Amino acid sequence: GGSFYVGGNLPKEQLAQVVEFFGLTFAKHNLLTRCSRCNGSIERATEEQVASDPSVPAGVKASVSIFWACQTPACAKMYWVGHKSASAVKFLHELGEGNFTTFGNSTASPSDTESA
């Protein structure tokens, strides 16, 4: 086997190094579709799931209309699109358009930066 040294202390710079070194590409429709806690799949949450989840702040429940939930029963982490989501998607775009294989709608999937 081999190894790759990732330099620097900033996670964004480290990810950019890994992407460049390994020539990684991303399918936009697959971005932000896995749970950051357990790697389970994320799907649109029902109104009942959102209403009964005490980890979602009341203000978020009142101001956000679309939520996603991890489909792993033991996890069930809740996600929503917020101002931090735009930052996460922007960063992924800054890695370079050449790293993306298809075009997708950045507001159609959650970001783990906006979660309970």
PDB file of N, CA and C in Angstrom:
ATOM      1  N   GLY A   1       0.816  -1.180   0.000  1.00  0.00           N
ATOM      2  CA  GLY A   1       0.000   0.000   0.000  1.00  0.00           C
ATOM      3  C   GLY A   1       0.859   1.242   0.000  1.00  0.00           C
ATOM      4  N   GLY A   2       0.201   2.332  -0.008  1.00  0.00           N
ATOM      5  CA  GLY A   2       0.881   3.611  -0.014  1.00  0.00           C
ATOM      6  C   GLY A   2       0.201   4.569   0.928  1.00  0.00           C
ATOM      7  N   SER A   3       0.718   5.751   0.946  1.00  0.00           N
ATOM      8  CA  SER A   3       0.116   6.764   1.797  1.00  0.00           C
ATOM      9  C   SER A   3       0.189   8.117   1.111  1.00  0.00           C
ATOM     10  N   PHE A   4      -0.588   9.048   1.600  1.00  0.00           N
ATOM     11  CA  PHE A   4      -0.620  10.411   1.086  1.00  0.00           C
ATOM     12  C   PHE A   4      -0.657  11.347   2.278  1.00  0.00           C
ATOM     13  N   TYR A   5       0.306  12.239   2.356  1.00  0.00           N
ATOM     14  CA  TYR A   5       0.361  13.193   3.460  1.00  0.00           C
ATOM     15  C   TYR A   5      -0.502  14.404   3.113  1.00  0.00           C
ATOM     16  N   VAL A   6      -1.420  14.723   3.998  1.00  0.00           N
ATOM     17  CA  VAL A   6      -2.268  15.895   3.830  1.00  0.00           C
ATOM     18  C   VAL A   6      -1.699  16.984   4.721  1.00  0.00           C
ATOM     19  N   GLY A   7      -1.208  18.054   4.115  1.00  0.00           N
ATOM     20  CA  GLY A   7      -0.609  19.149   4.868  1.00  0.00           C
ATOM     21  C   GLY A   7      -1.631  20.199   5.248  1.00  0.00           C
ATOM     22  N   GLY A   8      -1.219  21.092   6.090  1.00  0.00           N
ATOM     23  CA  GLY A   8      -2.077  22.199   6.478  1.00  0.00           C
ATOM     24  C   GLY A   8      -3.015  21.837   7.610  1.00  0.00           C
ATOM     25  N   ASN A   9      -3.641  22.874   8.151  1.00  0.00           N
ATOM     26  CA  ASN A   9      -4.548  22.673   9.274  1.00  0.00           C
ATOM     27  C   ASN A   9      -5.998  22.971   8.944  1.00  0.00           C
ATOM     28  N   LEU A  10      -6.250  23.588   7.806  1.00  0.00           N
ATOM     29  CA  LEU A  10      -7.614  23.968   7.447  1.00  0.00           C
ATOM     30  C   LEU A  10      -8.295  22.845   6.672  1.00  0.00           C
ATOM     31  N   PRO A  11      -9.442  22.366   7.162  1.00  0.00           N
ATOM     32  CA  PRO A  11     -10.130  21.255   6.482  1.00  0.00           C
ATOM     33  C   PRO A  11     -10.415  21.528   5.007  1.00  0.00           C
ATOM     34  N   LYS A  12     -10.768  22.751   4.654  1.00  0.00           N
ATOM     35  CA  LYS A  12     -11.054  23.058   3.245  1.00  0.00           C
ATOM     36  C   LYS A  12      -9.812  22.871   2.381  1.00  0.00           C
ATOM     37  N   GLU A  13      -8.667  23.321   2.876  1.00  0.00           N
ATOM     38  CA  GLU A  13      -7.419  23.147   2.128  1.00  0.00           C
ATOM     39  C   GLU A  13      -7.054  21.665   2.045  1.00  0.00           C
ATOM     40  N   GLN A  14      -7.275  20.946   3.124  1.00  0.00           N
ATOM     41  CA  GLN A  14      -6.959  19.520   3.136  1.00  0.00           C
ATOM     42  C   GLN A  14      -7.815  18.763   2.123  1.00  0.00           C
ATOM     43  N   LEU A  15      -9.105  19.074   2.084  1.00  0.00           N
ATOM     44  CA  LEU A  15      -9.978  18.416   1.114  1.00  0.00           C
ATOM     45  C   LEU A  15      -9.546  18.752  -0.300  1.00  0.00           C
ATOM     46  N   ALA A  16      -9.207  20.000  -0.554  1.00  0.00           N
ATOM     47  CA  ALA A  16      -8.759  20.398  -1.889  1.00  0.00           C
ATOM     48  C   ALA A  16      -7.506  19.622  -2.291  1.00  0.00           C
ATOM     49  N   GLN A  17      -6.590  19.392  -1.349  1.00  0.00           N
ATOM     50  CA  GLN A  17      -5.384  18.610  -1.640  1.00  0.00           C
ATOM     51  C   GLN A  17      -5.732  17.180  -2.031  1.00  0.00           C
ATOM     52  N   VAL A  18      -6.630  16.589  -1.274  1.00  0.00           N
ATOM     53  CA  VAL A  18      -7.024  15.194  -1.542  1.00  0.00           C
ATOM     54  C   VAL A  18      -7.710  15.094  -2.903  1.00  0.00           C
ATOM     55  N   VAL A  19      -8.614  16.023  -3.181  1.00  0.00           N
ATOM     56  CA  VAL A  19      -9.327  16.023  -4.467  1.00  0.00           C
ATOM     57  C   VAL A  19      -8.342  16.137  -5.618  1.00  0.00           C
ATOM     58  N   GLU A  20      -7.395  17.065  -5.498  1.00  0.00           N
ATOM     59  CA  GLU A  20      -6.418  17.263  -6.576  1.00  0.00           C
ATOM     60  C   GLU A  20      -5.496  16.059  -6.730  1.00  0.00           C
ATOM     61  N   PHE A  21      -4.961  15.554  -5.629  1.00  0.00           N
ATOM     62  CA  PHE A  21      -3.997  14.461  -5.693  1.00  0.00           C
ATOM     63  C   PHE A  21      -4.604  13.195  -6.292  1.00  0.00           C
ATOM     64  N   PHE A  22      -5.817  12.859  -5.859  1.00  0.00           N
ATOM     65  CA  PHE A  22      -6.437  11.623  -6.314  1.00  0.00           C
ATOM     66  C   PHE A  22      -7.310  11.807  -7.550  1.00  0.00           C
ATOM     67  N   GLY A  23      -7.448  13.050  -8.032  1.00  0.00           N
ATOM     68  CA  GLY A  23      -8.251  13.300  -9.223  1.00  0.00           C
ATOM     69  C   GLY A  23      -9.719  12.960  -9.014  1.00  0.00           C
ATOM     70  N   LEU A  24     -10.242  13.275  -7.845  1.00  0.00           N
ATOM     71  CA  LEU A  24     -11.621  12.934  -7.532  1.00  0.00           C
ATOM     72  C   LEU A  24     -12.612  13.781  -8.310  1.00  0.00           C
ATOM     73  N   THR A  25     -13.739  13.189  -8.623  1.00  0.00           N
ATOM     74  CA  THR A  25     -14.841  13.911  -9.236  1.00  0.00           C
ATOM     75  C   THR A  25     -16.087  13.663  -8.397  1.00  0.00           C
ATOM     76  N   PHE A  26     -17.035  14.574  -8.516  1.00  0.00           N
ATOM     77  CA  PHE A  26     -18.264  14.483  -7.740  1.00  0.00           C
ATOM     78  C   PHE A  26     -19.458  14.515  -8.676  1.00  0.00           C
ATOM     79  N   ALA A  27     -20.443  13.711  -8.387  1.00  0.00           N
ATOM     80  CA  ALA A  27     -21.715  13.783  -9.094  1.00  0.00           C
ATOM     81  C   ALA A  27     -22.604  14.705  -8.269  1.00  0.00           C
ATOM     82  N   LYS A  28     -22.966  15.847  -8.815  1.00  0.00           N
ATOM     83  CA  LYS A  28     -23.718  16.836  -8.047  1.00  0.00           C
ATOM     84  C   LYS A  28     -24.988  16.267  -7.437  1.00  0.00           C
ATOM     85  N   HIS A  29     -25.633  15.354  -8.145  1.00  0.00           N
ATOM     86  CA  HIS A  29     -26.873  14.800  -7.593  1.00  0.00           C
ATOM     87  C   HIS A  29     -26.612  13.919  -6.371  1.00  0.00           C
ATOM     88  N   ASN A  30     -25.357  13.576  -6.111  1.00  0.00           N
ATOM     89  CA  ASN A  30     -25.028  12.765  -4.937  1.00  0.00           C
ATOM     90  C   ASN A  30     -24.462  13.579  -3.783  1.00  0.00           C
ATOM     91  N   LEU A  31     -24.253  14.872  -3.987  1.00  0.00           N
ATOM     92  CA  LEU A  31     -23.699  15.693  -2.916  1.00  0.00           C
ATOM     93  C   LEU A  31     -24.690  15.820  -1.772  1.00  0.00           C
ATOM     94  N   LEU A  32     -24.183  15.747  -0.577  1.00  0.00           N
ATOM     95  CA  LEU A  32     -24.964  15.967   0.639  1.00  0.00           C
ATOM     96  C   LEU A  32     -26.169  15.038   0.744  1.00  0.00           C
ATOM     97  N   THR A  33     -25.983  13.789   0.355  1.00  0.00           N
ATOM     98  CA  THR A  33     -27.074  12.817   0.418  1.00  0.00           C
ATOM     99  C   THR A  33     -26.814  11.703   1.439  1.00  0.00           C
ATOM    100  N   ARG A  34     -25.709  11.804   2.165  1.00  0.00           N
ATOM    101  CA  ARG A  34     -25.379  10.805   3.183  1.00  0.00           C
ATOM    102  C   ARG A  34     -25.302  11.485   4.545  1.00  0.00           C
ATOM    103  N   CYS A  35     -25.678  10.786   5.564  1.00  0.00           N
ATOM    104  CA  CYS A  35     -25.680  11.319   6.916  1.00  0.00           C
ATOM    105  C   CYS A  35     -24.244  11.514   7.413  1.00  0.00           C
ATOM    106  N   SER A  36     -23.988  12.672   7.991  1.00  0.00           N
ATOM    107  CA  SER A  36     -22.649  12.955   8.508  1.00  0.00           C
ATOM    108  C   SER A  36     -22.361  12.189   9.798  1.00  0.00           C
ATOM    109  N   ARG A  37     -23.396  11.703  10.458  1.00  0.00           N
ATOM    110  CA  ARG A  37     -23.213  10.971  11.704  1.00  0.00           C
ATOM    111  C   ARG A  37     -22.969   9.484  11.453  1.00  0.00           C
ATOM    112  N   CYS A  38     -23.768   8.859  10.584  1.00  0.00           N
ATOM    113  CA  CYS A  38     -23.670   7.395  10.434  1.00  0.00           C
ATOM    114  C   CYS A  38     -23.472   6.929   8.990  1.00  0.00           C
ATOM    115  N   ASN A  39     -23.477   7.849   8.030  1.00  0.00           N
ATOM    116  CA  ASN A  39     -23.327   7.559   6.602  1.00  0.00           C
ATOM    117  C   ASN A  39     -24.557   6.883   6.006  1.00  0.00           C
ATOM    118  N   GLY A  40     -25.663   6.894   6.727  1.00  0.00           N
ATOM    119  CA  GLY A  40     -26.908   6.359   6.186  1.00  0.00           C
ATOM    120  C   GLY A  40     -27.442   7.277   5.090  1.00  0.00           C
ATOM    121  N   SER A  41     -28.411   6.796   4.349  1.00  0.00           N
ATOM    122  CA  SER A  41     -28.997   7.629   3.304  1.00  0.00           C
ATOM    123  C   SER A  41     -29.947   8.647   3.925  1.00  0.00           C
ATOM    124  N   ILE A  42     -30.100   9.761   3.240  1.00  0.00           N
ATOM    125  CA  ILE A  42     -30.976  10.835   3.701  1.00  0.00           C
ATOM    126  C   ILE A  42     -32.112  10.976   2.709  1.00  0.00           C
ATOM    127  N   GLU A  43     -33.333  11.031   3.229  1.00  0.00           N
ATOM    128  CA  GLU A  43     -34.515  11.210   2.394  1.00  0.00           C
ATOM    129  C   GLU A  43     -35.398  12.291   2.982  1.00  0.00           C
ATOM    130  N   ARG A  44     -36.300  12.798   2.180  1.00  0.00           N
ATOM    131  CA  ARG A  44     -37.219  13.852   2.614  1.00  0.00           C
ATOM    132  C   ARG A  44     -37.983  13.399   3.850  1.00  0.00           C
ATOM    133  N   ALA A  45     -38.043  14.267   4.847  1.00  0.00           N
ATOM    134  CA  ALA A  45     -38.741  13.951   6.095  1.00  0.00           C
ATOM    135  C   ALA A  45     -40.218  14.317   5.982  1.00  0.00           C
ATOM    136  N   THR A  46     -41.029  13.591   6.705  1.00  0.00           N
ATOM    137  CA  THR A  46     -42.465  13.897   6.749  1.00  0.00           C
ATOM    138  C   THR A  46     -42.698  15.008   7.764  1.00  0.00           C
ATOM    139  N   GLU A  47     -43.847  15.651   7.668  1.00  0.00           N
ATOM    140  CA  GLU A  47     -44.204  16.693   8.638  1.00  0.00           C
ATOM    141  C   GLU A  47     -44.242  16.121  10.048  1.00  0.00           C
ATOM    142  N   GLU A  48     -44.699  14.877  10.175  1.00  0.00           N
ATOM    143  CA  GLU A  48     -44.777  14.236  11.476  1.00  0.00           C
ATOM    144  C   GLU A  48     -43.389  14.020  12.076  1.00  0.00           C
ATOM    145  N   GLN A  49     -42.442  13.606  11.240  1.00  0.00           N
ATOM    146  CA  GLN A  49     -41.071  13.417  11.727  1.00  0.00           C
ATOM    147  C   GLN A  49     -40.501  14.730  12.260  1.00  0.00           C
ATOM    148  N   VAL A  50     -40.710  15.802  11.511  1.00  0.00           N
ATOM    149  CA  VAL A  50     -40.181  17.105  11.912  1.00  0.00           C
ATOM    150  C   VAL A  50     -40.852  17.581  13.203  1.00  0.00           C
ATOM    151  N   ALA A  51     -42.161  17.502  13.250  1.00  0.00           N
ATOM    152  CA  ALA A  51     -42.908  17.980  14.418  1.00  0.00           C
ATOM    153  C   ALA A  51     -42.527  17.247  15.690  1.00  0.00           C
ATOM    154  N   SER A  52     -42.238  15.954  15.570  1.00  0.00           N
ATOM    155  CA  SER A  52     -41.945  15.162  16.762  1.00  0.00           C
ATOM    156  C   SER A  52     -40.462  15.135  17.128  1.00  0.00           C
ATOM    157  N   ASP A  53     -39.617  15.795  16.348  1.00  0.00           N
ATOM    158  CA  ASP A  53     -38.175  15.765  16.623  1.00  0.00           C
ATOM    159  C   ASP A  53     -37.784  16.929  17.528  1.00  0.00           C
ATOM    160  N   PRO A  54     -37.453  16.644  18.793  1.00  0.00           N
ATOM    161  CA  PRO A  54     -37.119  17.722  19.729  1.00  0.00           C
ATOM    162  C   PRO A  54     -35.774  18.390  19.441  1.00  0.00           C
ATOM    163  N   SER A  55     -34.957  17.802  18.585  1.00  0.00           N
ATOM    164  CA  SER A  55     -33.646  18.384  18.300  1.00  0.00           C
ATOM    165  C   SER A  55     -33.708  19.521  17.281  1.00  0.00           C
ATOM    166  N   VAL A  56     -34.840  19.664  16.586  1.00  0.00           N
ATOM    167  CA  VAL A  56     -34.994  20.752  15.626  1.00  0.00           C
ATOM    168  C   VAL A  56     -35.569  21.958  16.375  1.00  0.00           C
ATOM    169  N   PRO A  57     -34.846  23.088  16.377  1.00  0.00           N
ATOM    170  CA  PRO A  57     -35.335  24.272  17.097  1.00  0.00           C
ATOM    171  C   PRO A  57     -36.702  24.730  16.583  1.00  0.00           C
ATOM    172  N   ALA A  58     -37.527  25.241  17.487  1.00  0.00           N
ATOM    173  CA  ALA A  58     -38.875  25.694  17.133  1.00  0.00           C
ATOM    174  C   ALA A  58     -38.844  26.755  16.046  1.00  0.00           C
ATOM    175  N   GLY A  59     -37.881  27.658  16.103  1.00  0.00           N
ATOM    176  CA  GLY A  59     -37.770  28.696  15.085  1.00  0.00           C
ATOM    177  C   GLY A  59     -37.491  28.128  13.707  1.00  0.00           C
ATOM    178  N   VAL A  60     -36.710  27.071  13.664  1.00  0.00           N
ATOM    179  CA  VAL A  60     -36.412  26.415  12.388  1.00  0.00           C
ATOM    180  C   VAL A  60     -37.666  25.712  11.875  1.00  0.00           C
ATOM    181  N   LYS A  61     -38.375  25.032  12.772  1.00  0.00           N
ATOM    182  CA  LYS A  61     -39.618  24.362  12.369  1.00  0.00           C
ATOM    183  C   LYS A  61     -40.606  25.365  11.791  1.00  0.00           C
ATOM    184  N   ALA A  62     -40.629  26.583  12.340  1.00  0.00           N
ATOM    185  CA  ALA A  62     -41.570  27.603  11.898  1.00  0.00           C
ATOM    186  C   ALA A  62     -41.154  28.283  10.596  1.00  0.00           C
ATOM    187  N   SER A  63     -39.859  28.309  10.306  1.00  0.00           N
ATOM    188  CA  SER A  63     -39.391  29.064   9.150  1.00  0.00           C
ATOM    189  C   SER A  63     -38.916  28.223   7.971  1.00  0.00           C
ATOM    190  N   VAL A  64     -38.726  26.939   8.177  1.00  0.00           N
ATOM    191  CA  VAL A  64     -38.241  26.063   7.107  1.00  0.00           C
ATOM    192  C   VAL A  64     -39.337  25.076   6.749  1.00  0.00           C
ATOM    193  N   SER A  65     -39.534  24.869   5.457  1.00  0.00           N
ATOM    194  CA  SER A  65     -40.623  23.983   5.041  1.00  0.00           C
ATOM    195  C   SER A  65     -40.161  22.613   4.558  1.00  0.00           C
ATOM    196  N   ILE A  66     -38.878  22.466   4.252  1.00  0.00           N
ATOM    197  CA  ILE A  66     -38.390  21.188   3.736  1.00  0.00           C
ATOM    198  C   ILE A  66     -37.276  20.679   4.642  1.00  0.00           C
ATOM    199  N   PHE A  67     -37.425  19.444   5.084  1.00  0.00           N
ATOM    200  CA  PHE A  67     -36.449  18.791   5.940  1.00  0.00           C
ATOM    201  C   PHE A  67     -36.106  17.430   5.358  1.00  0.00           C
ATOM    202  N   TRP A  68     -34.960  16.911   5.741  1.00  0.00           N
ATOM    203  CA  TRP A  68     -34.544  15.563   5.389  1.00  0.00           C
ATOM    204  C   TRP A  68     -34.172  14.848   6.671  1.00  0.00           C
ATOM    205  N   ALA A  69     -34.287  13.531   6.659  1.00  0.00           N
ATOM    206  CA  ALA A  69     -33.937  12.736   7.835  1.00  0.00           C
ATOM    207  C   ALA A  69     -33.095  11.548   7.407  1.00  0.00           C
ATOM    208  N   CYS A  70     -32.142  11.211   8.258  1.00  0.00           N
ATOM    209  CA  CYS A  70     -31.356  10.002   8.040  1.00  0.00           C
ATOM    210  C   CYS A  70     -32.307   8.817   8.147  1.00  0.00           C
ATOM    211  N   GLN A  71     -32.140   7.861   7.267  1.00  0.00           N
ATOM    212  CA  GLN A  71     -33.027   6.709   7.228  1.00  0.00           C
ATOM    213  C   GLN A  71     -32.584   5.559   8.120  1.00  0.00           C
ATOM    214  N   THR A  72     -31.463   5.733   8.812  1.00  0.00           N
ATOM    215  CA  THR A  72     -31.028   4.724   9.764  1.00  0.00           C
ATOM    216  C   THR A  72     -31.803   4.947  11.065  1.00  0.00           C
ATOM    217  N   PRO A  73     -32.663   4.008  11.455  1.00  0.00           N
ATOM    218  CA  PRO A  73     -33.526   4.212  12.620  1.00  0.00           C
ATOM    219  C   PRO A  73     -32.787   4.616  13.895  1.00  0.00           C
ATOM    220  N   ALA A  74     -31.626   4.059  14.138  1.00  0.00           N
ATOM    221  CA  ALA A  74     -30.884   4.386  15.353  1.00  0.00           C
ATOM    222  C   ALA A  74     -30.292   5.793  15.316  1.00  0.00           C
ATOM    223  N   CYS A  75     -30.266   6.394  14.156  1.00  0.00           N
ATOM    224  CA  CYS A  75     -29.685   7.726  14.003  1.00  0.00           C
ATOM    225  C   CYS A  75     -30.780   8.786  13.834  1.00  0.00           C
ATOM    226  N   ALA A  76     -31.479   8.745  12.706  1.00  0.00           N
ATOM    227  CA  ALA A  76     -32.593   9.646  12.392  1.00  0.00           C
ATOM    228  C   ALA A  76     -32.239  11.124  12.488  1.00  0.00           C
ATOM    229  N   LYS A  77     -30.985  11.483  12.228  1.00  0.00           N
ATOM    230  CA  LYS A  77     -30.559  12.883  12.282  1.00  0.00           C
ATOM    231  C   LYS A  77     -31.351  13.697  11.270  1.00  0.00           C
ATOM    232  N   MET A  78     -31.757  14.895  11.672  1.00  0.00           N
ATOM    233  CA  MET A  78     -32.582  15.760  10.832  1.00  0.00           C
ATOM    234  C   MET A  78     -31.718  16.841  10.181  1.00  0.00           C
ATOM    235  N   TYR A  79     -32.022  17.161   8.934  1.00  0.00           N
ATOM    236  CA  TYR A  79     -31.295  18.156   8.146  1.00  0.00           C
ATOM    237  C   TYR A  79     -32.272  19.129   7.508  1.00  0.00           C
ATOM    238  N   TRP A  80     -31.784  20.340   7.206  1.00  0.00           N
ATOM    239  CA  TRP A  80     -32.574  21.341   6.500  1.00  0.00           C
ATOM    240  C   TRP A  80     -31.629  22.277   5.772  1.00  0.00           C
ATOM    241  N   VAL A  81     -32.151  23.005   4.805  1.00  0.00           N
ATOM    242  CA  VAL A  81     -31.365  23.973   4.055  1.00  0.00           C
ATOM    243  C   VAL A  81     -31.433  25.305   4.786  1.00  0.00           C
ATOM    244  N   GLY A  82     -30.280  25.869   5.037  1.00  0.00           N
ATOM    245  CA  GLY A  82     -30.180  27.155   5.700  1.00  0.00           C
ATOM    246  C   GLY A  82     -29.015  27.940   5.135  1.00  0.00           C
ATOM    247  N   HIS A  83     -28.668  29.030   5.784  1.00  0.00           N
ATOM    248  CA  HIS A  83     -27.605  29.874   5.253  1.00  0.00           C
ATOM    249  C   HIS A  83     -26.253  29.174   5.220  1.00  0.00           C
ATOM    250  N   LYS A  84     -26.011  28.257   6.130  1.00  0.00           N
ATOM    251  CA  LYS A  84     -24.745  27.525   6.112  1.00  0.00           C
ATOM    252  C   LYS A  84     -24.670  26.552   4.937  1.00  0.00           C
ATOM    253  N   SER A  85     -25.815  26.095   4.476  1.00  0.00           N
ATOM    254  CA  SER A  85     -25.850  25.170   3.340  1.00  0.00           C
ATOM    255  C   SER A  85     -25.241  25.801   2.110  1.00  0.00           C
ATOM    256  N   ALA A  86     -25.572  27.064   1.870  1.00  0.00           N
ATOM    257  CA  ALA A  86     -25.034  27.763   0.708  1.00  0.00           C
ATOM    258  C   ALA A  86     -23.514  27.817   0.783  1.00  0.00           C
ATOM    259  N   SER A  87     -22.970  28.013   1.980  1.00  0.00           N
ATOM    260  CA  SER A  87     -21.516  28.052   2.153  1.00  0.00           C
ATOM    261  C   SER A  87     -20.887  26.701   1.823  1.00  0.00           C
ATOM    262  N   ALA A  88     -21.521  25.640   2.270  1.00  0.00           N
ATOM    263  CA  ALA A  88     -20.993  24.303   2.008  1.00  0.00           C
ATOM    264  C   ALA A  88     -21.001  24.001   0.512  1.00  0.00           C
ATOM    265  N   VAL A  89     -22.102  24.309  -0.147  1.00  0.00           N
ATOM    266  CA  VAL A  89     -22.208  24.046  -1.584  1.00  0.00           C
ATOM    267  C   VAL A  89     -21.236  24.935  -2.355  1.00  0.00           C
ATOM    268  N   LYS A  90     -21.107  26.189  -1.946  1.00  0.00           N
ATOM    269  CA  LYS A  90     -20.164  27.107  -2.602  1.00  0.00           C
ATOM    270  C   LYS A  90     -18.749  26.555  -2.509  1.00  0.00           C
ATOM    271  N   PHE A  91     -18.373  26.065  -1.342  1.00  0.00           N
ATOM    272  CA  PHE A  91     -17.039  25.495  -1.178  1.00  0.00           C
ATOM    273  C   PHE A  91     -16.822  24.322  -2.128  1.00  0.00           C
ATOM    274  N   LEU A  92     -17.798  23.447  -2.233  1.00  0.00           N
ATOM    275  CA  LEU A  92     -17.660  22.303  -3.130  1.00  0.00           C
ATOM    276  C   LEU A  92     -17.497  22.769  -4.576  1.00  0.00           C
ATOM    277  N   HIS A  93     -18.216  23.827  -4.943  1.00  0.00           N
ATOM    278  CA  HIS A  93     -18.071  24.380  -6.292  1.00  0.00           C
ATOM    279  C   HIS A  93     -16.684  24.990  -6.487  1.00  0.00           C
ATOM    280  N   GLU A  94     -16.142  25.577  -5.428  1.00  0.00           N
ATOM    281  CA  GLU A  94     -14.828  26.196  -5.526  1.00  0.00           C
ATOM    282  C   GLU A  94     -13.714  25.183  -5.741  1.00  0.00           C
ATOM    283  N   LEU A  95     -13.986  23.923  -5.476  1.00  0.00           N
ATOM    284  CA  LEU A  95     -12.988  22.888  -5.748  1.00  0.00           C
ATOM    285  C   LEU A  95     -12.726  22.772  -7.242  1.00  0.00           C
ATOM    286  N   GLY A  96     -13.643  23.314  -8.028  1.00  0.00           N
ATOM    287  CA  GLY A  96     -13.444  23.332  -9.471  1.00  0.00           C
ATOM    288  C   GLY A  96     -14.559  22.634 -10.201  1.00  0.00           C
ATOM    289  N   GLU A  97     -15.127  23.317 -11.168  1.00  0.00           N
ATOM    290  CA  GLU A  97     -16.203  22.733 -11.972  1.00  0.00           C
ATOM    291  C   GLU A  97     -15.755  21.449 -12.642  1.00  0.00           C
ATOM    292  N   GLY A  98     -14.462  21.316 -12.928  1.00  0.00           N
ATOM    293  CA  GLY A  98     -13.962  20.103 -13.551  1.00  0.00           C
ATOM    294  C   GLY A  98     -14.103  18.881 -12.673  1.00  0.00           C
ATOM    295  N   ASN A  99     -14.371  19.097 -11.395  1.00  0.00           N
ATOM    296  CA  ASN A  99     -14.510  17.975 -10.478  1.00  0.00           C
ATOM    297  C   ASN A  99     -15.933  17.435 -10.426  1.00  0.00           C
ATOM    298  N   PHE A 100     -16.856  18.085 -11.144  1.00  0.00           N
ATOM    299  CA  PHE A 100     -18.248  17.655 -11.119  1.00  0.00           C
ATOM    300  C   PHE A 100     -18.612  16.963 -12.421  1.00  0.00           C
ATOM    301  N   THR A 101     -19.366  15.879 -12.307  1.00  0.00           N
ATOM    302  CA  THR A 101     -19.720  15.112 -13.492  1.00  0.00           C
ATOM    303  C   THR A 101     -21.091  15.468 -14.039  1.00  0.00           C
ATOM    304  N   THR A 102     -21.996  15.986 -13.214  1.00  0.00           N
ATOM    305  CA  THR A 102     -23.319  16.369 -13.697  1.00  0.00           C
ATOM    306  C   THR A 102     -23.757  17.621 -12.958  1.00  0.00           C
ATOM    307  N   PHE A 103     -24.746  18.310 -13.477  1.00  0.00           N
ATOM    308  CA  PHE A 103     -25.241  19.508 -12.816  1.00  0.00           C
ATOM    309  C   PHE A 103     -26.440  19.157 -11.977  1.00  0.00           C
ATOM    310  N   GLY A 104     -26.539  19.718 -10.787  1.00  0.00           N
ATOM    311  CA  GLY A 104     -27.664  19.488  -9.902  1.00  0.00           C
ATOM    312  C   GLY A 104     -28.091  20.768  -9.228  1.00  0.00           C
ATOM    313  N   ASN A 105     -29.216  20.741  -8.539  1.00  0.00           N
ATOM    314  CA  ASN A 105     -29.755  21.894  -7.840  1.00  0.00           C
ATOM    315  C   ASN A 105     -29.215  21.892  -6.418  1.00  0.00           C
ATOM    316  N   SER A 106     -28.393  22.877  -6.070  1.00  0.00           N
ATOM    317  CA  SER A 106     -27.732  22.881  -4.772  1.00  0.00           C
ATOM    318  C   SER A 106     -28.697  23.032  -3.613  1.00  0.00           C
ATOM    319  N   THR A 107     -29.911  23.509  -3.852  1.00  0.00           N
ATOM    320  CA  THR A 107     -30.848  23.647  -2.740  1.00  0.00           C
ATOM    321  C   THR A 107     -31.747  22.430  -2.607  1.00  0.00           C
ATOM    322  N   ALA A 108     -31.520  21.415  -3.403  1.00  0.00           N
ATOM    323  CA  ALA A 108     -32.397  20.246  -3.377  1.00  0.00           C
ATOM    324  C   ALA A 108     -31.915  19.168  -2.423  1.00  0.00           C
ATOM    325  N   SER A 109     -30.815  19.411  -1.745  1.00  0.00           N
ATOM    326  CA  SER A 109     -30.340  18.417  -0.793  1.00  0.00           C
ATOM    327  C   SER A 109     -29.818  19.122   0.449  1.00  0.00           C
ATOM    328  N   PRO A 110     -29.771  18.408   1.560  1.00  0.00           N
ATOM    329  CA  PRO A 110     -29.409  19.035   2.820  1.00  0.00           C
ATOM    330  C   PRO A 110     -27.918  19.224   2.985  1.00  0.00           C
ATOM    331  N   SER A 111     -27.545  19.956   3.979  1.00  0.00           N
ATOM    332  CA  SER A 111     -26.161  20.127   4.344  1.00  0.00           C
ATOM    333  C   SER A 111     -26.007  19.735   5.808  1.00  0.00           C
ATOM    334  N   ASP A 112     -24.941  19.047   6.098  1.00  0.00           N
ATOM    335  CA  ASP A 112     -24.766  18.645   7.496  1.00  0.00           C
ATOM    336  C   ASP A 112     -24.348  19.833   8.349  1.00  0.00           C
ATOM    337  N   THR A 113     -24.183  20.984   7.739  1.00  0.00           N
ATOM    338  CA  THR A 113     -23.894  22.164   8.540  1.00  0.00           C
ATOM    339  C   THR A 113     -25.179  22.741   9.122  1.00  0.00           C
ATOM    340  N   GLU A 114     -26.295  22.292   8.680  1.00  0.00           N
ATOM    341  CA  GLU A 114     -27.592  22.732   9.202  1.00  0.00           C
ATOM    342  C   GLU A 114     -28.300  21.487   9.707  1.00  0.00           C
ATOM    343  N   SER A 115     -28.028  21.098  10.883  1.00  0.00           N
ATOM    344  CA  SER A 115     -28.641  19.880  11.382  1.00  0.00           C
ATOM    345  C   SER A 115     -28.766  19.944  12.885  1.00  0.00           C
ATOM    346  N   ALA A 116     -29.555  19.033  13.360  1.00  0.00           N
ATOM    347  CA  ALA A 116     -29.742  18.957  14.811  1.00  0.00           C
ATOM    348  C   ALA A 116     -28.759  17.961  15.379  1.00  0.00           C
TER     349      ALA A 116
END
